[in-house]
């Protein structure tokens, strides 16, 4: 299935396909399951970003990274 906004063709069919997909996945429970999984992934990323920001903004920590990299290699 293809569509073109320039030629104004197939857009309604693609949209209906998307709506059918959402309806089918909601009926089967997959939609809500994936949404819950995304919420868990989101909170993990939020916490990870928070601690990473706190670490790298702590006095002197950012400068230690370039010094430590050669020691790891």
Protein backbone atom coordinates (compact mmCIF):
# COMPACT_ATOMS: atom_id res chain seq x y z
CA UNK A 1 0.00 0.00 0.00
CA UNK A 2 1.32 3.42 -0.92
CA UNK A 3 0.20 6.99 -0.51
CA UNK A 4 1.20 10.42 -1.73
CA UNK A 5 0.38 13.75 -0.17
CA UNK A 6 1.52 15.44 -3.37
CA UNK A 7 -0.98 13.49 -5.46
CA UNK A 8 -3.51 13.18 -2.63
CA UNK A 9 -3.82 9.43 -3.08
CA UNK A 10 -4.00 6.59 -0.61
CA UNK A 11 -4.01 8.78 2.47
CA UNK A 12 -7.46 7.69 3.67
CA UNK A 13 -6.53 4.02 3.19
CA UNK A 14 -3.30 4.40 5.17
CA UNK A 15 -5.15 6.26 7.92
CA UNK A 16 -7.78 3.52 8.09
CA UNK A 17 -5.02 0.91 8.28
CA UNK A 18 -3.53 2.76 11.26
CA UNK A 19 -6.93 3.01 12.97
CA UNK A 20 -7.55 -0.72 12.39
CA UNK A 21 -4.16 -1.52 13.88
CA UNK A 22 -4.91 0.49 17.02
CA UNK A 23 -8.34 -1.09 17.37
CA UNK A 24 -6.99 -4.63 16.91
CA UNK A 25 -4.12 -4.16 19.34
CA UNK A 26 -6.46 -2.62 21.93
CA UNK A 27 -8.90 -5.51 21.61
CA UNK A 28 -6.12 -8.07 22.02
CA UNK A 29 -4.59 -6.22 24.98
CA UNK A 30 -1.28 -5.71 23.20
CA UNK A 31 -1.75 -1.94 22.97
CA UNK A 32 -2.12 -1.50 26.73
CA UNK A 33 0.67 -3.98 27.45
CA UNK A 34 3.06 -2.05 25.20
CA UNK A 35 1.95 1.26 26.71
CA UNK A 36 2.73 -0.05 30.22
CA UNK A 37 6.12 -1.31 29.04
CA UNK A 38 6.83 2.10 27.51
CA UNK A 39 5.92 3.77 30.80
CA UNK A 40 8.40 1.57 32.68
CA UNK A 41 11.12 2.27 30.09
CA UNK A 42 10.35 5.99 30.32
CA UNK A 43 10.71 6.12 34.11
CA UNK A 44 13.98 4.17 33.91
CA UNK A 45 15.32 6.64 31.35
CA UNK A 46 14.14 9.58 33.46
CA UNK A 47 15.91 8.26 36.56
CA UNK A 48 19.05 7.40 34.56
CA UNK A 49 19.17 10.87 32.99
CA UNK A 50 18.66 12.49 36.38
CA UNK A 51 21.56 10.67 38.02
CA UNK A 52 23.80 11.10 34.99
CA UNK A 53 23.16 14.85 35.03
CA UNK A 54 23.78 15.04 38.77
CA UNK A 55 27.02 13.06 38.41
CA UNK A 56 28.45 15.09 35.54
CA UNK A 57 27.46 18.40 37.12
CA UNK A 58 29.11 17.52 40.40
CA UNK A 59 32.31 19.42 41.14
CA UNK A 60 35.20 18.03 39.16
CA UNK A 61 33.56 14.82 37.91
CA UNK A 62 33.41 15.94 34.29
CA UNK A 63 37.15 16.58 34.23
CA UNK A 64 37.88 13.08 35.52
CA UNK A 65 36.42 11.36 32.47
CA UNK A 66 39.16 12.30 29.97
CA UNK A 67 41.78 11.45 32.58
CA UNK A 68 40.24 8.03 33.23
CA UNK A 69 39.68 6.94 29.63
CA UNK A 70 43.35 6.13 28.84
CA UNK A 71 43.52 4.03 32.00
CA UNK A 72 40.65 1.86 30.75
CA UNK A 73 42.23 1.35 27.35
